Amino acid sequence: MVTRPIPVYLLTGYLGSGKTSLLNRWLQEPVWAQAAVVVNEFGQVGFDQQVISGAVQSAQLLQGACVCCEGLPALSEMLADVFWARLHRQVPRFEQLIIETTGLADPHPVLEALRTDPLLSKRYRLGGVITTLNASVGLDLLTTSRQAQAQVQAAHVVVLTKMDLVADHALSALRQRLCQLNPLATFATSAHANFSAQQLLALLPSTPSAHPPLVNPSPVQGQPHAHSVFIPMHQALQAPRLLAWLALGLAQFGADILRIKGHVQLVDSGYSALQWSLGDSQPELSPASQQPGRSDLPPAGLTFITRAPLSASCQAWLAQWARALDL
């Protein structure tokens, strides 16, 4: 019996660009209703997997490393394990596999692994590379971040997100820069995750190349891209107090902080999700997709993803807050 290679869709994009929000929507649409998902997160405690777990039961979490660095062998091993589990009916049969990378990952090593690994290259095929980019800060990111550049260079489709926050003149300059980095990519726009999986699949090429022609990326190498610090929060907090503390920290150390995400227990609204990323005016609190009572829920607390190296003053601020909460 000949089995057809399983299409793999690589979803990438810088921290806070809206990958998980879009993926959560896509997994609830018929075209990806039978997809399996591998979520790669940077940090000790998973957050994105919890956001999408209500939409798909076969999500696998690969955390603690970027897949472009020390996490790549673990990703290759996981893809092999998922294939054999599917073959032996140990997991529900899936027709597509989606890999959501950490926002700090360079996708090119992942594409190379799919192309050259003996098992992966035979059992999987590339369905396409989708890169999300926060349009409100995209031009700055493409100037300062080698990771953001590499993500755009690898893309078949670039989805410009948070379009409600960007002015027309800024969008024109951003599109020009994107075309310089990857003249063959197709561009789409999204606000509040209103871009569907059906629209996405219509834009992807039928036989995508793992290395789009005319694009000559140089791998991201060198020092770690970022640090992550998890601060547990054992007590229920007042939302105004928590937001005021975060606003103070962001005002003082915003240049050091790339992303904040996690779950907190609030006095008035219970177990809630908190997110902040570059370009956001303030952290966003929302009801958690999963409520307490499940054994697989992450502990309450916040993950801070910070630039490397982190300034001494920002380290002291985080440590002070951690001591205050550890009661």
Protein backbone atom coordinates (compact mmCIF):
# COMPACT_ATOMS: atom_id res chain seq x y z
CA MET A 1 0.00 0.00 0.00
CA VAL A 2 1.43 3.35 -1.08
CA THR A 3 0.85 6.21 1.34
CA ARG A 4 0.85 9.74 0.03
CA PRO A 5 3.18 12.22 1.75
CA ILE A 6 1.42 14.29 4.38
CA PRO A 7 1.42 18.03 3.64
CA VAL A 8 3.22 20.13 6.25
CA TYR A 9 2.35 23.79 6.70
CA LEU A 10 4.95 25.87 8.51
CA LEU A 11 3.42 28.82 10.36
CA THR A 12 5.98 31.36 11.45
CA GLY A 13 6.09 35.01 12.44
CA TYR A 14 7.69 37.23 15.04
CA LEU A 15 6.59 37.30 18.68
CA GLY A 16 3.06 38.65 19.11
CA SER A 17 2.26 38.80 15.41
CA GLY A 18 -1.00 36.87 15.80
CA LYS A 19 0.01 33.37 14.67
CA THR A 20 -1.92 31.56 17.36
CA SER A 21 -5.09 33.63 16.97
CA LEU A 22 -5.18 32.90 13.24
CA LEU A 23 -4.34 29.23 13.74
CA ASN A 24 -7.10 28.84 16.29
CA ARG A 25 -9.58 30.14 13.73
CA TRP A 26 -8.19 27.99 10.90
CA LEU A 27 -8.45 24.79 12.90
CA GLN A 28 -12.17 25.34 13.33
CA GLU A 29 -12.74 25.48 9.57
CA PRO A 30 -13.61 22.35 7.53
CA VAL A 31 -10.48 22.50 5.34
CA TRP A 32 -8.24 21.93 8.38
CA ALA A 33 -10.65 20.05 10.61
CA GLN A 34 -8.46 16.91 10.40
CA ALA A 35 -5.11 18.59 10.99
CA ALA A 36 -2.52 17.74 13.60
CA VAL A 37 -0.53 20.56 15.16
CA VAL A 38 2.97 20.83 16.60
CA VAL A 39 3.40 23.96 18.71
CA ASN A 40 6.92 25.20 19.40
CA GLU A 41 7.15 27.68 22.28
CA PHE A 42 9.97 29.67 23.78
CA GLY A 43 9.78 29.47 27.56
CA GLN A 44 9.32 26.99 30.36
CA VAL A 45 5.52 27.04 30.50
CA GLY A 46 3.33 26.50 27.45
CA PHE A 47 0.70 29.09 26.51
CA ASP A 48 -0.07 28.80 22.79
CA GLN A 49 -0.96 25.11 23.01
CA GLN A 50 -3.64 25.94 25.58
CA VAL A 51 -5.11 28.56 23.24
CA ILE A 52 -5.57 26.08 20.39
CA SER A 53 -6.34 22.96 22.43
CA GLY A 54 -10.06 23.57 22.16
CA ALA A 55 -9.84 23.45 18.38
CA VAL A 56 -7.66 20.37 17.91
CA GLN A 57 -6.99 17.35 20.10
CA SER A 58 -3.72 16.26 18.51
CA ALA A 59 -1.59 19.29 19.37
CA GLN A 60 1.93 18.42 20.47
CA LEU A 61 4.00 20.89 22.49
CA LEU A 62 7.71 21.34 21.81
CA GLN A 63 8.87 23.99 24.26
CA GLY A 64 11.93 25.58 25.75
CA ALA A 65 13.90 26.12 22.53
CA CYS A 66 13.65 27.62 19.08
CA VAL A 67 13.34 25.00 16.36
CA CYS A 68 16.04 26.81 14.38
CA CYS A 69 18.53 26.10 17.18
CA GLU A 70 18.77 23.32 19.74
CA GLY A 71 15.09 22.46 19.28
CA LEU A 72 15.51 21.19 15.71
CA PRO A 73 16.54 17.59 16.56
CA ALA A 74 13.57 17.35 18.92
CA LEU A 75 11.26 18.58 16.15
CA SER A 76 12.58 16.00 13.68
CA GLU A 77 12.13 13.25 16.25
CA MET A 78 8.61 14.43 17.06
CA LEU A 79 7.58 14.46 13.39
CA ALA A 80 8.88 10.93 12.99
CA ASP A 81 7.03 9.78 16.13
CA VAL A 82 3.80 11.45 14.99
CA PHE A 83 3.99 9.70 11.62
CA TRP A 84 4.44 6.24 13.17
CA ALA A 85 1.69 6.90 15.70
CA ARG A 86 -0.64 7.81 12.84
CA LEU A 87 0.37 4.72 10.86
CA HIS A 88 -0.30 2.44 13.83
CA ARG A 89 -3.56 4.25 14.67
CA GLN A 90 -2.31 5.40 18.04
CA VAL A 91 -3.57 8.92 17.29
CA PRO A 92 -6.58 10.05 15.23
CA ARG A 93 -5.79 10.01 11.54
CA PHE A 94 -4.79 13.45 10.34
CA GLU A 95 -4.59 14.69 6.77
CA GLN A 96 -2.34 17.72 7.33
CA LEU A 97 0.34 18.69 9.81
CA ILE A 98 0.81 22.28 10.93
CA ILE A 99 3.97 23.41 12.70
CA GLU A 100 3.67 26.67 14.60
CA THR A 101 7.19 27.87 15.37
CA THR A 102 8.26 30.18 18.15
CA GLY A 103 8.36 33.80 17.10
CA LEU A 104 12.16 33.75 17.36
CA ALA A 105 12.73 30.88 14.94
CA ASP A 106 14.40 31.04 11.55
CA PRO A 107 12.29 28.69 9.38
CA HIS A 108 15.06 27.75 6.94
CA PRO A 109 16.65 24.96 9.06
CA VAL A 110 13.19 23.39 9.47
CA LEU A 111 12.69 23.45 5.71
CA GLU A 112 16.12 21.92 5.21
CA ALA A 113 15.25 19.11 7.63
CA LEU A 114 12.02 18.38 5.76
CA ARG A 115 13.98 18.25 2.51
CA THR A 116 16.99 16.18 3.59
CA ASP A 117 15.95 13.91 6.48
CA PRO A 118 15.45 10.40 4.99
CA LEU A 119 12.19 9.69 6.81
CA LEU A 120 10.71 13.18 6.81
CA SER A 121 11.41 13.81 3.14
CA LYS A 122 9.66 10.56 2.22
CA ARG A 123 6.65 10.73 4.53
CA TYR A 124 5.97 14.48 4.46
CA ARG A 125 5.84 17.16 1.80
CA LEU A 126 5.90 20.91 2.17
CA GLY A 127 2.45 22.44 1.86
CA GLY A 128 3.66 25.99 2.28
CA VAL A 129 5.27 28.53 4.57
CA ILE A 130 2.97 31.15 6.09
CA THR A 131 4.52 34.12 7.88
CA THR A 132 2.54 36.54 10.01
CA LEU A 133 3.84 40.07 10.53
CA ASN A 134 2.39 42.73 12.82
CA ALA A 135 1.84 45.57 10.37
CA SER A 136 1.94 48.23 13.07
CA VAL A 137 5.58 47.48 13.95
CA GLY A 138 6.60 45.48 10.88
CA LEU A 139 8.91 48.06 9.33
CA ASP A 140 10.89 48.48 12.53
CA LEU A 141 11.13 44.71 13.01
CA LEU A 142 12.41 44.19 9.49
CA THR A 143 15.09 46.79 10.19
CA THR A 144 16.25 45.48 13.56
CA SER A 145 15.43 41.75 13.66
CA ARG A 146 17.30 39.18 11.57
CA GLN A 147 14.72 36.60 12.64
CA ALA A 148 11.83 38.65 11.22
CA GLN A 149 13.74 39.08 7.96
CA ALA A 150 14.40 35.33 7.68
CA GLN A 151 10.73 34.56 8.32
CA VAL A 152 9.63 36.84 5.49
CA GLN A 153 12.31 35.47 3.18
CA ALA A 154 11.05 31.91 3.66
CA ALA A 155 7.37 32.71 3.14
CA HIS A 156 5.06 31.75 0.32
CA VAL A 157 2.32 33.84 1.93
CA VAL A 158 2.89 36.80 4.26
CA VAL A 159 -0.17 37.74 6.33
CA LEU A 160 -0.02 41.33 7.58
CA THR A 161 -1.87 41.32 10.89
CA LYS A 162 -3.31 44.02 13.17
CA MET A 163 -4.18 46.08 10.11
CA ASP A 164 -6.53 48.19 12.20
CA LEU A 165 -3.48 49.72 13.92
CA VAL A 166 -1.47 50.84 10.88
CA ALA A 167 -1.65 54.04 8.83
CA ASP A 168 -1.74 53.97 5.02
CA HIS A 169 1.61 55.75 4.60
CA ALA A 170 3.34 53.25 6.89
CA LEU A 171 1.76 50.34 5.02
CA SER A 172 3.18 51.55 1.71
CA ALA A 173 6.73 51.62 3.07
CA LEU A 174 6.23 48.21 4.67
CA ARG A 175 5.05 46.63 1.42
CA GLN A 176 8.07 48.03 -0.38
CA ARG A 177 10.43 46.50 2.17
CA LEU A 178 8.63 43.14 2.00
CA CYS A 179 8.98 43.04 -1.77
CA GLN A 180 12.70 43.69 -1.42
CA LEU A 181 13.09 40.78 0.98
CA ASN A 182 10.87 38.33 -0.91
CA PRO A 183 9.59 39.46 -4.32
CA LEU A 184 7.82 36.13 -4.94
CA ALA A 185 5.67 36.03 -1.81
CA THR A 186 1.94 36.64 -1.89
CA PHE A 187 0.60 39.16 0.61
CA ALA A 188 -2.66 39.10 2.54
CA THR A 189 -4.09 41.22 5.34
CA SER A 190 -5.88 40.46 8.58
CA ALA A 191 -7.45 42.37 11.46
CA HIS A 192 -8.81 40.54 14.50
CA ALA A 193 -7.98 37.18 12.80
CA ASN A 194 -10.50 37.73 9.99
CA PHE A 195 -8.41 35.90 7.36
CA SER A 196 -9.74 32.39 6.74
CA ALA A 197 -7.98 29.10 6.06
CA GLN A 198 -9.87 28.86 2.77
CA GLN A 199 -8.43 32.21 1.70
CA LEU A 200 -4.97 31.11 2.79
CA LEU A 201 -5.01 27.82 0.87
CA ALA A 202 -6.14 29.64 -2.27
CA LEU A 203 -2.97 31.75 -2.13
CA LEU A 204 -0.48 28.95 -1.54
CA PRO A 205 1.25 27.45 -4.62
CA SER A 206 0.27 23.90 -5.55
CA THR A 207 3.88 22.68 -5.40
CA PRO A 208 5.76 25.11 -3.15
CA SER A 209 9.53 25.21 -3.14
CA ALA A 210 11.35 24.89 0.16
CA HIS A 211 13.73 27.58 -1.03
CA PRO A 212 11.89 30.18 -3.11
CA PRO A 213 14.04 31.25 -6.10
CA LEU A 214 15.70 34.67 -6.05
CA VAL A 215 15.81 34.53 -2.27
CA ASN A 216 19.21 33.85 -0.74
CA PRO A 217 18.76 33.74 3.02
CA SER A 218 21.64 33.62 5.43
CA PRO A 219 20.88 31.51 8.51
CA VAL A 220 20.38 33.21 11.85
CA GLN A 221 23.34 32.20 13.99
CA GLY A 222 25.27 33.36 17.01
CA GLN A 223 24.11 34.24 20.50
CA PRO A 224 20.67 33.28 21.84
CA HIS A 225 17.94 35.47 20.38
CA ALA A 226 16.22 36.06 23.72
CA HIS A 227 15.76 34.96 27.31
CA SER A 228 12.59 33.79 29.00
CA VAL A 229 11.64 34.20 32.64
CA PHE A 230 8.56 32.60 34.20
CA ILE A 231 7.12 34.27 37.29
CA PRO A 232 4.58 32.07 39.09
CA MET A 233 1.54 33.76 40.60
CA HIS A 234 0.15 31.68 43.45
CA GLN A 235 -2.47 34.14 44.63
CA ALA A 236 -5.57 35.64 43.04
CA LEU A 237 -4.78 39.22 42.04
CA GLN A 238 -6.76 42.36 41.45
CA ALA A 239 -6.72 43.08 37.70
CA PRO A 240 -6.10 46.85 38.13
CA ARG A 241 -3.09 46.17 40.37
CA LEU A 242 -1.62 43.66 37.92
CA LEU A 243 -2.11 45.93 34.90
CA ALA A 244 -0.69 48.93 36.75
CA TRP A 245 2.45 46.96 37.63
CA LEU A 246 2.89 45.81 34.06
CA ALA A 247 2.31 49.32 32.70
CA LEU A 248 5.00 50.66 35.03
CA GLY A 249 7.46 47.99 33.93
CA LEU A 250 6.76 48.46 30.24
CA ALA A 251 7.18 52.22 30.57
CA GLN A 252 10.60 51.74 32.17
CA PHE A 253 11.89 48.61 30.46
CA GLY A 254 9.85 48.33 27.26
CA ALA A 255 13.01 48.25 25.16
CA ASP A 256 14.05 45.03 26.92
CA ILE A 257 10.73 43.17 26.77
CA LEU A 258 9.56 41.42 23.60
CA ARG A 259 6.52 39.47 24.79
CA ILE A 260 4.45 38.74 27.91
CA LYS A 261 2.04 35.82 28.02
CA GLY A 262 0.48 33.51 30.54
CA HIS A 263 -2.48 32.73 32.77
CA VAL A 264 -3.42 34.51 35.98
CA GLN A 265 -6.03 34.00 38.65
CA LEU A 266 -8.04 37.20 39.09
CA VAL A 267 -10.20 38.06 42.07
CA ASP A 268 -13.22 39.11 40.00
CA SER A 269 -12.98 37.08 36.79
CA GLY A 270 -11.11 33.90 37.73
CA TYR A 271 -8.59 32.05 35.55
CA SER A 272 -7.70 34.42 32.69
CA ALA A 273 -5.23 34.72 29.82
CA LEU A 274 -2.89 37.69 29.56
CA GLN A 275 -0.93 38.75 26.48
CA TRP A 276 1.22 41.67 25.42
CA SER A 277 3.53 42.12 22.44
CA LEU A 278 5.41 44.87 20.63
CA GLY A 279 3.03 47.48 19.30
CA ASP A 280 0.31 46.87 21.90
CA SER A 281 -0.68 49.86 24.00
CA GLN A 282 -1.34 47.71 27.07
CA PRO A 283 -1.62 44.04 28.07
CA GLU A 284 -4.84 42.28 27.12
CA LEU A 285 -6.81 40.19 29.60
CA SER A 286 -9.39 37.69 28.37
CA PRO A 287 -11.19 34.58 29.66
CA ALA A 288 -8.93 31.53 29.40
CA SER A 289 -9.87 29.00 26.73
CA GLN A 290 -9.47 26.24 29.34
CA GLN A 291 -10.76 26.64 32.90
CA PRO A 292 -9.31 25.21 36.13
CA GLY A 293 -10.08 21.62 36.98
CA ARG A 294 -8.06 20.02 34.17
CA SER A 295 -4.82 18.35 35.16
CA ASP A 296 -2.99 19.52 32.01
CA LEU A 297 -3.44 23.25 32.61
CA PRO A 298 -0.27 25.29 32.99
CA PRO A 299 0.42 26.89 36.36
CA ALA A 300 -0.74 30.46 36.89
CA GLY A 301 2.02 32.91 36.10
CA LEU A 302 3.54 35.04 33.37
CA THR A 303 6.33 34.31 30.92
CA PHE A 304 8.46 37.33 30.01
CA ILE A 305 10.43 36.96 26.79
CA THR A 306 13.21 39.52 26.83
CA ARG A 307 16.04 40.60 24.64
CA ALA A 308 19.43 39.01 25.17
CA PRO A 309 21.28 40.21 27.11
CA LEU A 310 18.76 41.61 29.57
CA SER A 311 19.63 44.86 31.34
CA ALA A 312 20.49 44.66 35.04
CA SER A 313 17.72 47.09 35.97
CA CYS A 314 15.07 45.00 34.21
CA GLN A 315 16.40 41.85 35.89
CA ALA A 316 16.09 43.56 39.26
CA TRP A 317 12.53 44.67 38.53
CA LEU A 318 11.43 41.15 37.57
CA ALA A 319 13.17 39.64 40.60
CA GLN A 320 11.53 42.14 42.94
CA TRP A 321 8.07 41.30 41.61
CA ALA A 322 8.76 37.56 41.79
CA ARG A 323 9.70 37.91 45.49
CA ALA A 324 6.58 39.95 46.20
CA LEU A 325 4.35 37.26 44.69
CA ASP A 326 6.09 34.27 46.23
CA LEU A 327 4.11 34.32 49.47
